[in-house]
Amino acid sequence: MLNRFNNILFRQCQQQQQQQYKSIVSFVKSSSGSGSVSKNEYGLCFKSNSMSCSGSIASYSTSNDIAANNRNIFDLSKDMRSFLEAKDKNDMKVTNEQWLQLLRSRANAGLPAHMNFEIISLENGVMQVKDYHMAANGYIHAASLITLADTACGFGCFTQLPKGSYGFTTIELKTNFLGTSKSGELLKCEAKLIHSGRSTQVWDAVIKTESDKTLALFRCTEMILYPTSTTTTTNTNSNKK
């Protein structure tokens, strides 16, 4: 199976050399005026399927050509571990656009799909508060905010995994809640990589309202996972007289 992934990635490398991919995302320009994503900022942009992008978030469009070019990457996203292993073996450089396609596909399952998240850029994110995000008191549930922040940090972590690793798991998280919101409001989330090590990464995320009111400060630690190597256990008692 890994050989099939290797062949797919080899073809992807050839395609990257032969043509330039069209941009599928108009990134929100930073204060410096650059539309690119800085090295340690990998927030993700979410929106409800029923919500159009706000004026502060650049719109996006997909291309049939891009969909065809990235079809093999969609197949790889079904098994992220195999994809990461093959990517490292072939020393493939994955573009922001390709990561976006991978993470969009991954967001179509599990809790992100249940929460109705959709990734629309690798820069920052929004979530429209719906009734199913609410607590019984009529305000947004704390777990909904945590889910948004943790998903943004986790998807960002995928793009920054060190070579040789195949994934990660959250081993610690903390959230300070500074405000709340009601149904219909638009929330923005930005995740940043604070520490990148071989064994752990630390990510921070800030959730704000459309009027720039801070609702939550989030921090998590991700433990980086590597394949388990087979080791020979030595019986130390055999050396004893």
Protein backbone atom coordinates (compact mmCIF):
# COMPACT_ATOMS: atom_id res chain seq x y z
CA MET A 1 0.00 0.00 0.00
CA LEU A 2 2.85 2.36 0.82
CA ASN A 3 4.26 1.87 -2.68
CA ARG A 4 0.94 3.13 -4.08
CA PHE A 5 1.21 6.23 -1.89
CA ASN A 6 4.81 6.73 -3.02
CA ASN A 7 3.76 6.59 -6.67
CA ILE A 8 0.95 9.06 -6.04
CA LEU A 9 3.29 11.49 -4.31
CA PHE A 10 5.89 11.14 -7.06
CA ARG A 11 3.27 12.12 -9.61
CA GLN A 12 2.24 15.04 -7.41
CA CYS A 13 5.86 16.25 -7.30
CA GLN A 14 6.01 16.07 -11.10
CA GLN A 15 2.77 18.04 -11.40
CA GLN A 16 4.11 20.74 -9.09
CA GLN A 17 7.17 21.12 -11.29
CA GLN A 18 5.19 21.20 -14.54
CA GLN A 19 2.50 23.69 -13.59
CA GLN A 20 1.62 26.33 -11.05
CA TYR A 21 -1.47 25.66 -9.01
CA LYS A 22 -4.19 28.25 -9.09
CA SER A 23 -4.96 29.90 -5.78
CA ILE A 24 -8.15 28.59 -4.21
CA VAL A 25 -8.09 30.96 -1.26
CA SER A 26 -7.80 34.72 -1.04
CA PHE A 27 -5.90 35.11 2.21
CA VAL A 28 -6.85 37.93 4.55
CA LYS A 29 -4.06 40.47 4.37
CA SER A 30 -2.13 41.01 7.57
CA SER A 31 -1.18 44.41 8.99
CA SER A 32 2.12 44.18 7.13
CA GLY A 33 0.19 44.11 3.86
CA SER A 34 1.26 40.61 2.94
CA GLY A 35 -1.32 38.02 2.04
CA SER A 36 0.91 35.09 2.95
CA VAL A 37 0.77 33.11 6.17
CA SER A 38 3.65 33.84 8.54
CA LYS A 39 5.83 31.00 9.75
CA ASN A 40 4.24 30.48 13.16
CA GLU A 41 0.64 31.49 12.46
CA TYR A 42 -1.57 28.66 11.26
CA GLY A 43 -5.03 29.63 12.37
CA LEU A 44 -7.88 28.07 10.45
CA CYS A 45 -11.02 29.63 9.09
CA PHE A 46 -14.37 28.03 9.82
CA LYS A 47 -17.87 29.00 8.80
CA SER A 48 -21.29 27.48 8.99
CA ASN A 49 -22.45 25.93 5.71
CA SER A 50 -25.45 28.26 5.77
CA MET A 51 -23.41 31.42 6.31
CA SER A 52 -21.80 33.60 3.67
CA CYS A 53 -18.34 35.00 4.37
CA SER A 54 -18.25 38.28 6.24
CA GLY A 55 -16.61 41.36 4.80
CA SER A 56 -13.51 40.85 6.93
CA ILE A 57 -12.94 37.34 5.61
CA ALA A 58 -11.87 36.94 2.00
CA SER A 59 -14.13 34.79 -0.13
CA TYR A 60 -12.92 31.57 -1.69
CA SER A 61 -13.73 29.53 -4.74
CA THR A 62 -12.70 26.07 -5.85
CA SER A 63 -11.58 25.11 -9.32
CA ASN A 64 -12.39 21.90 -11.18
CA ASP A 65 -8.79 21.83 -12.36
CA ILE A 66 -7.53 22.00 -8.80
CA ALA A 67 -9.96 19.34 -7.68
CA ALA A 68 -8.61 17.04 -10.39
CA ASN A 69 -5.00 17.83 -9.53
CA ASN A 70 -5.56 17.13 -5.85
CA ARG A 71 -7.74 14.04 -6.19
CA ASN A 72 -4.84 11.82 -5.19
CA ILE A 73 -4.23 13.95 -2.12
CA PHE A 74 -7.88 13.51 -1.16
CA ASP A 75 -7.30 9.75 -1.30
CA LEU A 76 -4.25 10.11 0.91
CA SER A 77 -6.16 12.16 3.46
CA LYS A 78 -8.23 9.09 4.30
CA ASP A 79 -5.13 7.74 5.98
CA MET A 80 -3.15 10.69 7.33
CA ARG A 81 -0.46 8.47 8.83
CA SER A 82 0.32 6.81 5.50
CA PHE A 83 0.30 10.21 3.82
CA LEU A 84 2.78 11.70 6.31
CA GLU A 85 5.08 8.68 6.07
CA ALA A 86 5.06 8.78 2.27
CA LYS A 87 5.52 12.57 2.26
CA ASP A 88 8.64 12.28 4.41
CA LYS A 89 10.05 9.37 2.41
CA ASN A 90 9.69 11.31 -0.85
CA ASP A 91 10.67 14.65 0.72
CA MET A 92 7.52 16.18 -0.77
CA LYS A 93 6.77 19.84 -0.12
CA VAL A 94 3.04 20.27 0.46
CA THR A 95 1.66 23.69 -0.46
CA ASN A 96 -0.81 25.65 1.66
CA GLU A 97 -3.45 24.97 -0.98
CA GLN A 98 -2.86 21.22 -0.77
CA TRP A 99 -2.93 21.27 3.04
CA LEU A 100 -6.20 23.16 2.82
CA GLN A 101 -7.69 20.44 0.62
CA LEU A 102 -6.45 17.72 2.97
CA LEU A 103 -7.84 19.38 6.09
CA ARG A 104 -11.16 20.18 4.43
CA SER A 105 -11.57 16.50 3.68
CA ARG A 106 -10.57 15.56 7.23
CA ALA A 107 -13.08 18.04 8.69
CA ASN A 108 -15.93 16.16 7.01
CA ALA A 109 -15.93 13.53 9.74
CA GLY A 110 -16.18 13.28 13.50
CA LEU A 111 -16.84 16.18 15.84
CA PRO A 112 -15.81 18.98 13.41
CA ALA A 113 -18.46 17.73 10.97
CA HIS A 114 -21.03 17.45 13.76
CA MET A 115 -20.28 21.04 14.80
CA ASN A 116 -20.73 22.11 11.16
CA PHE A 117 -17.23 23.53 10.74
CA GLU A 118 -15.83 24.25 7.30
CA ILE A 119 -12.21 25.22 6.71
CA ILE A 120 -11.89 28.10 4.28
CA SER A 121 -8.31 29.28 4.80
CA LEU A 122 -5.08 28.58 6.65
CA GLU A 123 -4.99 32.00 8.24
CA ASN A 124 -7.79 32.69 10.70
CA GLY A 125 -11.25 31.44 11.39
CA VAL A 126 -14.89 32.18 12.03
CA MET A 127 -17.82 30.25 13.45
CA GLN A 128 -21.43 31.34 13.46
CA VAL A 129 -23.12 30.46 16.73
CA LYS A 130 -26.10 28.15 16.18
CA ASP A 131 -28.72 26.79 18.58
CA TYR A 132 -26.86 23.48 18.89
CA HIS A 133 -23.77 25.36 20.15
CA MET A 134 -25.73 26.74 23.11
CA ALA A 135 -25.99 25.81 26.77
CA ALA A 136 -29.37 25.55 28.50
CA ASN A 137 -29.05 29.15 29.76
CA GLY A 138 -29.21 30.55 26.22
CA TYR A 139 -25.51 31.38 25.87
CA ILE A 140 -22.81 29.55 23.97
CA HIS A 141 -21.59 26.37 25.65
CA ALA A 142 -17.99 26.43 26.88
CA ALA A 143 -17.34 23.15 25.08
CA SER A 144 -18.27 24.76 21.75
CA LEU A 145 -15.55 27.37 22.20
CA ILE A 146 -13.04 24.72 23.23
CA THR A 147 -13.93 22.62 20.19
CA LEU A 148 -13.36 25.55 17.83
CA ALA A 149 -10.00 26.44 19.37
CA ASP A 150 -8.78 22.85 19.71
CA THR A 151 -9.72 22.04 16.11
CA ALA A 152 -7.86 25.10 14.81
CA CYS A 153 -4.75 24.23 16.82
CA GLY A 154 -4.93 20.54 15.90
CA PHE A 155 -5.27 21.13 12.17
CA GLY A 156 -2.43 23.63 12.34
CA CYS A 157 -0.31 21.02 14.11
CA PHE A 158 -0.80 18.61 11.20
CA THR A 159 0.92 21.10 8.88
CA GLN A 160 3.89 21.48 11.23
CA LEU A 161 4.65 17.89 12.27
CA PRO A 162 8.39 17.11 12.33
CA LYS A 163 9.81 14.67 9.83
CA GLY A 164 9.40 11.04 10.84
CA SER A 165 6.27 11.63 12.93
CA TYR A 166 2.85 10.36 11.91
CA GLY A 167 0.48 12.33 14.11
CA PHE A 168 -0.14 13.88 17.50
CA THR A 169 -2.42 13.72 20.50
CA THR A 170 -3.52 16.46 22.89
CA ILE A 171 -2.08 15.86 26.36
CA GLU A 172 -3.08 19.13 28.02
CA LEU A 173 -5.36 22.08 27.38
CA LYS A 174 -6.55 25.11 29.28
CA THR A 175 -9.07 27.82 28.51
CA ASN A 176 -9.78 31.15 30.19
CA PHE A 177 -13.32 32.33 29.42
CA LEU A 178 -13.60 36.12 29.36
CA GLY A 179 -17.00 36.57 27.73
CA THR A 180 -19.93 34.83 26.06
CA SER A 181 -22.22 35.12 23.04
CA LYS A 182 -25.72 34.27 21.87
CA SER A 183 -27.10 32.44 18.85
CA GLY A 184 -26.47 34.15 15.52
CA GLU A 185 -23.24 35.89 16.47
CA LEU A 186 -20.07 35.45 14.44
CA LEU A 187 -16.96 34.28 16.31
CA LYS A 188 -13.40 34.49 15.02
CA CYS A 189 -10.55 32.20 16.06
CA GLU A 190 -6.82 32.56 15.44
CA ALA A 191 -4.33 29.82 16.38
CA LYS A 192 -0.57 30.32 16.68
CA LEU A 193 2.32 27.92 17.11
CA ILE A 194 4.20 28.96 20.27
CA HIS A 195 6.69 26.11 20.67
CA SER A 196 7.74 23.51 18.12
CA GLY A 197 9.84 20.64 19.44
CA ARG A 198 10.58 17.06 18.47
CA SER A 199 8.34 15.64 21.19
CA THR A 200 5.75 18.37 21.82
CA GLN A 201 4.18 21.47 20.33
CA VAL A 202 2.42 24.26 22.23
CA TRP A 203 -0.38 26.16 20.48
CA ASP A 204 -2.33 29.24 21.55
CA ALA A 205 -5.70 30.33 20.19
CA VAL A 206 -7.82 33.43 20.76
CA ILE A 207 -11.56 33.53 20.10
CA LYS A 208 -13.16 36.92 19.49
CA THR A 209 -16.49 38.34 18.41
CA GLU A 210 -16.94 40.28 15.18
CA SER A 211 -16.61 43.49 17.23
CA ASP A 212 -13.18 42.25 18.46
CA LYS A 213 -14.32 41.39 21.99
CA THR A 214 -12.19 38.55 23.38
CA LEU A 215 -14.27 35.58 24.56
CA ALA A 216 -11.63 32.96 25.30
CA LEU A 217 -7.88 32.40 25.57
CA PHE A 218 -6.88 28.82 24.80
CA ARG A 219 -3.59 26.91 25.11
CA CYS A 220 -2.88 23.26 24.39
CA THR A 221 0.10 20.92 24.31
CA GLU A 222 0.33 18.33 21.56
CA MET A 223 2.50 15.23 22.02
CA ILE A 224 4.13 14.25 18.72
CA LEU A 225 3.71 10.58 17.79
CA TYR A 226 6.39 8.46 16.13
CA PRO A 227 6.36 4.85 14.90
CA THR A 228 7.26 2.40 17.66
CA SER A 229 10.65 0.82 17.02
CA THR A 230 11.25 -2.82 17.86
CA THR A 231 13.86 -3.15 20.58
CA THR A 232 15.48 -6.18 22.11
CA THR A 233 14.90 -6.41 25.82
CA THR A 234 18.03 -7.30 27.74
CA ASN A 235 17.67 -9.37 30.85
CA THR A 236 19.89 -7.54 33.29
CA ASN A 237 19.60 -10.37 35.78
CA SER A 238 21.61 -12.61 33.46
CA ASN A 239 24.68 -10.46 34.11
CA LYS A 240 24.41 -10.95 37.83
CA LYS A 241 26.51 -13.61 39.50
